[in-house]
């Protein structure tokens, strides 16, 4: 969750720098029009919260606890990170990002259930 927080509260200029470094390693070229067609930041939000939901659920449910408080905690965490982004230069708070966070958390929790039942 700390990794998620660090990525979500980075200034916009740092995000742009990191994206340029990553795109230099990708085998396809990246352009700004690609991000208009593919909302990559929504996938990033969902993936970060899916990973958080997955790993937290694995630890949480191993202690015989309900998943609902964990999901509500992740939703509250998503709301806090969106509020923080409002105050960070080059970042913005977005209902769509919050929705992506919630969907990601739900997917992560669901995947944790699938893998825990497969064990």
N, C-alpha and C. Protein backbone atom coordinates (compact mmCIF):
# COMPACT_ATOMS: atom_id res chain seq x y z
N UNK A 1 0.83 -1.19 0.00
CA UNK A 1 0.00 0.00 0.00
C UNK A 1 0.87 1.25 0.00
N UNK A 2 2.04 1.15 0.59
CA UNK A 2 2.95 2.30 0.60
C UNK A 2 3.42 2.61 -0.82
N UNK A 3 3.70 1.57 -1.60
CA UNK A 3 4.10 1.76 -3.00
C UNK A 3 2.98 2.45 -3.77
N UNK A 4 1.75 2.03 -3.54
CA UNK A 4 0.58 2.65 -4.18
C UNK A 4 0.49 4.12 -3.80
N UNK A 5 0.63 4.40 -2.52
CA UNK A 5 0.57 5.78 -2.06
C UNK A 5 1.67 6.63 -2.70
N UNK A 6 2.88 6.11 -2.74
CA UNK A 6 3.99 6.87 -3.33
C UNK A 6 3.73 7.19 -4.80
N UNK A 7 3.23 6.23 -5.54
CA UNK A 7 2.95 6.48 -6.96
C UNK A 7 1.80 7.47 -7.14
N UNK A 8 0.79 7.38 -6.29
CA UNK A 8 -0.38 8.23 -6.47
C UNK A 8 -0.19 9.65 -5.97
N UNK A 9 0.83 9.91 -5.15
CA UNK A 9 1.05 11.28 -4.69
C UNK A 9 2.28 11.92 -5.32
N UNK A 10 2.89 11.26 -6.30
CA UNK A 10 4.01 11.87 -7.03
C UNK A 10 3.53 13.07 -7.82
N UNK A 11 4.35 14.12 -7.89
CA UNK A 11 3.98 15.26 -8.75
C UNK A 11 3.87 14.84 -10.21
N UNK A 12 3.05 15.55 -10.96
CA UNK A 12 2.83 15.24 -12.36
C UNK A 12 4.10 15.22 -13.18
N UNK A 13 5.04 16.12 -12.87
CA UNK A 13 6.29 16.17 -13.64
C UNK A 13 7.10 14.89 -13.44
N UNK A 14 7.07 14.32 -12.25
CA UNK A 14 7.79 13.07 -11.98
C UNK A 14 7.13 11.91 -12.73
N UNK A 15 5.81 11.91 -12.79
CA UNK A 15 5.08 10.87 -13.52
C UNK A 15 5.44 10.93 -15.00
N UNK A 16 5.45 12.15 -15.57
CA UNK A 16 5.81 12.31 -16.98
C UNK A 16 7.22 11.82 -17.25
N UNK A 17 8.15 12.12 -16.34
CA UNK A 17 9.53 11.67 -16.50
C UNK A 17 9.60 10.14 -16.47
N UNK A 18 8.93 9.52 -15.50
CA UNK A 18 8.93 8.06 -15.40
C UNK A 18 8.30 7.42 -16.63
N UNK A 19 7.21 8.01 -17.12
CA UNK A 19 6.56 7.46 -18.31
C UNK A 19 7.47 7.56 -19.53
N UNK A 20 8.23 8.65 -19.64
CA UNK A 20 9.15 8.77 -20.78
C UNK A 20 10.27 7.74 -20.69
N UNK A 21 10.73 7.46 -19.48
CA UNK A 21 11.77 6.46 -19.30
C UNK A 21 11.26 5.06 -19.62
N UNK A 22 10.06 4.75 -19.18
CA UNK A 22 9.48 3.43 -19.45
C UNK A 22 9.19 3.27 -20.93
N UNK A 23 8.63 4.32 -21.57
CA UNK A 23 8.30 4.20 -22.99
C UNK A 23 9.54 4.04 -23.86
N UNK A 24 10.69 4.50 -23.38
CA UNK A 24 11.93 4.31 -24.14
C UNK A 24 12.30 2.83 -24.22
N UNK A 25 11.85 2.04 -23.28
CA UNK A 25 12.16 0.61 -23.26
C UNK A 25 11.11 -0.24 -23.97
N UNK A 26 9.98 0.36 -24.29
CA UNK A 26 8.91 -0.40 -24.93
C UNK A 26 9.20 -0.60 -26.42
N UNK A 27 8.82 -1.75 -26.98
CA UNK A 27 9.12 -2.01 -28.39
C UNK A 27 8.23 -1.22 -29.35
N UNK A 28 7.18 -0.60 -28.89
CA UNK A 28 6.32 0.20 -29.75
C UNK A 28 6.47 1.66 -29.35
N UNK A 29 6.19 2.55 -30.29
CA UNK A 29 6.33 3.96 -29.98
C UNK A 29 5.10 4.43 -29.23
N UNK A 30 5.30 5.43 -28.40
CA UNK A 30 4.21 5.98 -27.61
C UNK A 30 3.98 7.42 -28.03
N UNK A 31 2.71 7.78 -28.16
CA UNK A 31 2.39 9.16 -28.48
C UNK A 31 1.28 9.63 -27.56
N UNK A 32 1.08 10.92 -27.48
CA UNK A 32 0.05 11.44 -26.59
C UNK A 32 -1.35 11.02 -27.04
N UNK A 33 -1.52 10.76 -28.34
CA UNK A 33 -2.83 10.33 -28.81
C UNK A 33 -3.18 8.93 -28.31
N UNK A 34 -2.15 8.11 -28.03
CA UNK A 34 -2.40 6.78 -27.48
C UNK A 34 -3.09 6.86 -26.14
N UNK A 35 -2.70 7.82 -25.31
CA UNK A 35 -3.31 7.93 -23.98
C UNK A 35 -4.73 8.44 -24.06
N UNK A 36 -5.07 9.15 -25.15
CA UNK A 36 -6.45 9.57 -25.33
C UNK A 36 -7.34 8.39 -25.69
N UNK A 37 -6.81 7.46 -26.49
CA UNK A 37 -7.58 6.30 -26.92
C UNK A 37 -7.61 5.26 -25.80
N UNK A 38 -6.47 5.05 -25.15
CA UNK A 38 -6.36 4.07 -24.08
C UNK A 38 -6.10 4.81 -22.77
N UNK A 39 -7.06 4.85 -21.88
CA UNK A 39 -6.87 5.59 -20.62
C UNK A 39 -5.93 4.83 -19.68
N UNK A 40 -4.65 4.93 -19.95
CA UNK A 40 -3.66 4.14 -19.23
C UNK A 40 -3.68 4.43 -17.74
N UNK A 41 -3.92 5.67 -17.35
CA UNK A 41 -3.89 5.97 -15.92
C UNK A 41 -5.00 5.24 -15.18
N UNK A 42 -6.11 4.96 -15.83
CA UNK A 42 -7.19 4.20 -15.19
C UNK A 42 -6.75 2.75 -14.96
N UNK A 43 -6.04 2.19 -15.94
CA UNK A 43 -5.51 0.84 -15.77
C UNK A 43 -4.48 0.80 -14.65
N UNK A 44 -3.66 1.84 -14.55
CA UNK A 44 -2.66 1.91 -13.48
C UNK A 44 -3.36 1.97 -12.12
N UNK A 45 -4.36 2.84 -12.00
CA UNK A 45 -5.11 2.92 -10.75
C UNK A 45 -5.72 1.56 -10.39
N UNK A 46 -6.39 0.94 -11.36
CA UNK A 46 -7.03 -0.35 -11.11
C UNK A 46 -6.00 -1.41 -10.73
N UNK A 47 -4.88 -1.43 -11.43
CA UNK A 47 -3.84 -2.43 -11.15
C UNK A 47 -3.24 -2.24 -9.76
N UNK A 48 -2.96 -1.00 -9.38
CA UNK A 48 -2.40 -0.75 -8.06
C UNK A 48 -3.35 -1.21 -6.96
N UNK A 49 -4.63 -0.92 -7.12
CA UNK A 49 -5.59 -1.32 -6.09
C UNK A 49 -5.91 -2.81 -6.17
N UNK A 50 -5.81 -3.41 -7.35
CA UNK A 50 -5.99 -4.86 -7.46
C UNK A 50 -4.87 -5.58 -6.72
N UNK A 51 -3.65 -5.10 -6.90
CA UNK A 51 -2.52 -5.71 -6.17
C UNK A 51 -2.67 -5.52 -4.67
N UNK A 52 -3.05 -4.33 -4.26
CA UNK A 52 -3.26 -4.07 -2.83
C UNK A 52 -4.37 -4.96 -2.30
N UNK A 53 -5.48 -5.04 -3.01
CA UNK A 53 -6.60 -5.87 -2.58
C UNK A 53 -6.23 -7.34 -2.51
N UNK A 54 -5.47 -7.80 -3.50
CA UNK A 54 -5.06 -9.20 -3.54
C UNK A 54 -4.19 -9.55 -2.34
N UNK A 55 -3.11 -8.79 -2.15
CA UNK A 55 -2.17 -9.13 -1.07
C UNK A 55 -2.75 -8.88 0.31
N UNK A 56 -3.52 -7.83 0.46
CA UNK A 56 -4.14 -7.58 1.76
C UNK A 56 -5.17 -8.66 2.10
N UNK A 57 -5.91 -9.09 1.10
CA UNK A 57 -6.91 -10.13 1.33
C UNK A 57 -6.24 -11.44 1.72
N UNK A 58 -5.16 -11.76 1.05
CA UNK A 58 -4.45 -13.01 1.38
C UNK A 58 -4.03 -13.03 2.84
N UNK A 59 -3.51 -11.92 3.34
CA UNK A 59 -3.12 -11.85 4.74
C UNK A 59 -4.31 -11.72 5.68
N UNK A 60 -5.29 -10.95 5.28
CA UNK A 60 -6.46 -10.66 6.11
C UNK A 60 -7.32 -11.92 6.30
N UNK A 61 -7.61 -12.62 5.22
CA UNK A 61 -8.50 -13.77 5.30
C UNK A 61 -7.82 -15.00 5.89
N UNK A 62 -6.50 -15.03 5.88
CA UNK A 62 -5.81 -16.13 6.55
C UNK A 62 -6.05 -16.06 8.05
N UNK A 63 -6.53 -14.92 8.52
CA UNK A 63 -6.83 -14.73 9.94
C UNK A 63 -8.33 -14.93 10.19
N UNK A 64 -9.05 -15.53 9.24
CA UNK A 64 -10.49 -15.80 9.34
C UNK A 64 -11.31 -14.53 9.57
N UNK A 65 -11.09 -13.53 8.78
CA UNK A 65 -11.83 -12.29 8.88
C UNK A 65 -12.67 -12.09 7.62
N UNK A 66 -13.68 -11.23 7.73
CA UNK A 66 -14.55 -10.92 6.61
C UNK A 66 -13.83 -10.00 5.62
N UNK A 67 -14.18 -10.14 4.34
CA UNK A 67 -13.57 -9.32 3.30
C UNK A 67 -14.17 -7.92 3.24
N UNK A 68 -15.38 -7.73 3.73
CA UNK A 68 -16.06 -6.44 3.60
C UNK A 68 -15.33 -5.28 4.29
N UNK A 69 -14.87 -5.43 5.53
CA UNK A 69 -14.11 -4.32 6.13
C UNK A 69 -12.85 -3.97 5.34
N UNK A 70 -12.22 -4.98 4.77
CA UNK A 70 -11.02 -4.73 3.96
C UNK A 70 -11.38 -3.94 2.71
N UNK A 71 -12.48 -4.30 2.05
CA UNK A 71 -12.92 -3.58 0.87
C UNK A 71 -13.25 -2.12 1.23
N UNK A 72 -13.94 -1.92 2.33
CA UNK A 72 -14.28 -0.55 2.76
C UNK A 72 -13.03 0.25 3.10
N UNK A 73 -12.03 -0.41 3.69
CA UNK A 73 -10.76 0.25 3.97
C UNK A 73 -10.08 0.69 2.68
N UNK A 74 -10.09 -0.17 1.67
CA UNK A 74 -9.48 0.18 0.39
C UNK A 74 -10.24 1.30 -0.31
N UNK A 75 -11.55 1.33 -0.17
CA UNK A 75 -12.35 2.42 -0.75
C UNK A 75 -12.01 3.73 -0.05
N UNK A 76 -11.89 3.70 1.27
CA UNK A 76 -11.51 4.90 2.02
C UNK A 76 -10.11 5.34 1.63
N UNK A 77 -9.20 4.39 1.45
CA UNK A 77 -7.83 4.68 1.02
C UNK A 77 -7.84 5.33 -0.37
N UNK A 78 -8.69 4.82 -1.26
CA UNK A 78 -8.82 5.40 -2.60
C UNK A 78 -9.31 6.84 -2.51
N UNK A 79 -10.29 7.09 -1.65
CA UNK A 79 -10.81 8.45 -1.50
C UNK A 79 -9.73 9.39 -0.97
N UNK A 80 -8.95 8.94 0.00
CA UNK A 80 -7.88 9.77 0.56
C UNK A 80 -6.83 10.08 -0.50
N UNK A 81 -6.44 9.08 -1.30
CA UNK A 81 -5.42 9.34 -2.33
C UNK A 81 -5.94 10.31 -3.39
N UNK A 82 -7.22 10.21 -3.73
CA UNK A 82 -7.78 11.16 -4.71
C UNK A 82 -7.82 12.57 -4.14
N UNK A 83 -8.17 12.70 -2.88
CA UNK A 83 -8.17 14.03 -2.25
C UNK A 83 -6.75 14.59 -2.21
N UNK A 84 -5.78 13.76 -1.87
CA UNK A 84 -4.38 14.22 -1.85
C UNK A 84 -3.93 14.67 -3.24
N UNK A 85 -4.35 13.95 -4.27
CA UNK A 85 -3.95 14.31 -5.63
C UNK A 85 -4.46 15.68 -6.04
N UNK A 86 -5.55 16.08 -5.47
CA UNK A 86 -6.10 17.41 -5.78
C UNK A 86 -5.11 18.51 -5.41
N UNK A 87 -4.31 18.29 -4.37
CA UNK A 87 -3.39 19.31 -3.87
C UNK A 87 -1.96 19.17 -4.41
N UNK A 88 -1.71 18.18 -5.24
CA UNK A 88 -0.36 17.94 -5.75
C UNK A 88 -0.24 18.55 -7.14
N UNK A 89 0.83 19.34 -7.36
CA UNK A 89 1.01 19.98 -8.67
C UNK A 89 1.08 18.95 -9.80
N UNK A 90 0.35 19.22 -10.86
CA UNK A 90 0.35 18.35 -12.03
C UNK A 90 -0.55 17.14 -11.89
N UNK A 91 -1.26 17.02 -10.79
CA UNK A 91 -2.18 15.90 -10.57
C UNK A 91 -3.58 16.45 -10.36
N UNK A 92 -4.56 15.59 -10.45
CA UNK A 92 -5.94 16.03 -10.22
C UNK A 92 -6.74 14.89 -9.61
N UNK A 93 -7.75 15.28 -8.85
CA UNK A 93 -8.67 14.29 -8.29
C UNK A 93 -9.72 13.98 -9.35
N UNK A 94 -10.12 12.73 -9.43
CA UNK A 94 -11.06 12.35 -10.47
C UNK A 94 -11.98 11.25 -9.96
N UNK A 95 -13.26 11.41 -10.25
CA UNK A 95 -14.23 10.36 -9.91
C UNK A 95 -13.94 9.09 -10.70
N UNK A 96 -13.47 9.25 -11.93
CA UNK A 96 -13.15 8.09 -12.76
C UNK A 96 -11.96 7.31 -12.16
N UNK A 97 -10.98 8.02 -11.62
CA UNK A 97 -9.86 7.34 -10.96
C UNK A 97 -10.35 6.61 -9.71
N UNK A 98 -11.24 7.26 -8.95
CA UNK A 98 -11.80 6.64 -7.75
C UNK A 98 -12.56 5.37 -8.12
N UNK A 99 -13.33 5.42 -9.20
CA UNK A 99 -14.06 4.25 -9.68
C UNK A 99 -13.09 3.14 -10.09
N UNK A 100 -12.03 3.51 -10.79
CA UNK A 100 -11.02 2.52 -11.20
C UNK A 100 -10.37 1.89 -9.97
N UNK A 101 -10.11 2.71 -8.94
CA UNK A 101 -9.54 2.18 -7.70
C UNK A 101 -10.48 1.15 -7.07
N UNK A 102 -11.76 1.48 -7.01
CA UNK A 102 -12.74 0.57 -6.41
C UNK A 102 -12.88 -0.72 -7.19
N UNK A 103 -12.91 -0.60 -8.51
CA UNK A 103 -13.00 -1.81 -9.35
C UNK A 103 -11.75 -2.66 -9.17
N UNK A 104 -10.60 -2.01 -9.15
CA UNK A 104 -9.34 -2.73 -8.94
C UNK A 104 -9.32 -3.45 -7.60
N UNK A 105 -9.77 -2.78 -6.54
CA UNK A 105 -9.81 -3.41 -5.21
C UNK A 105 -10.72 -4.63 -5.23
N UNK A 106 -11.88 -4.50 -5.85
CA UNK A 106 -12.83 -5.62 -5.92
C UNK A 106 -12.23 -6.79 -6.71
N UNK A 107 -11.58 -6.49 -7.82
CA UNK A 107 -10.96 -7.55 -8.63
C UNK A 107 -9.85 -8.23 -7.84
N UNK A 108 -9.03 -7.45 -7.14
CA UNK A 108 -7.95 -8.02 -6.34
C UNK A 108 -8.47 -8.94 -5.25
N UNK A 109 -9.53 -8.51 -4.57
CA UNK A 109 -10.13 -9.34 -3.52
C UNK A 109 -10.70 -10.61 -4.12
N UNK A 110 -11.39 -10.49 -5.24
CA UNK A 110 -11.95 -11.66 -5.91
C UNK A 110 -10.86 -12.64 -6.34
N UNK A 111 -9.78 -12.12 -6.92
CA UNK A 111 -8.67 -13.00 -7.32
C UNK A 111 -8.03 -13.69 -6.12
N UNK A 112 -7.95 -12.99 -5.01
CA UNK A 112 -7.40 -13.62 -3.80
C UNK A 112 -8.27 -14.79 -3.37
N UNK A 113 -9.61 -14.62 -3.45
CA UNK A 113 -10.52 -15.72 -3.14
C UNK A 113 -10.30 -16.90 -4.08
N UNK A 114 -10.15 -16.61 -5.36
CA UNK A 114 -9.95 -17.67 -6.36
C UNK A 114 -8.67 -18.44 -6.05
N UNK A 115 -7.58 -17.72 -5.79
CA UNK A 115 -6.31 -18.40 -5.52
C UNK A 115 -6.31 -19.10 -4.18
N UNK A 116 -7.00 -18.55 -3.20
CA UNK A 116 -7.03 -19.20 -1.88
C UNK A 116 -7.85 -20.48 -1.94
N UNK A 117 -8.90 -20.50 -2.75
CA UNK A 117 -9.70 -21.72 -2.89
C UNK A 117 -9.02 -22.76 -3.76
N UNK A 118 -8.07 -22.33 -4.61
CA UNK A 118 -7.33 -23.24 -5.46
C UNK A 118 -6.21 -23.93 -4.68
N UNK A 119 -5.78 -23.33 -3.58
CA UNK A 119 -4.67 -23.91 -2.78
C UNK A 119 -5.07 -25.17 -2.08
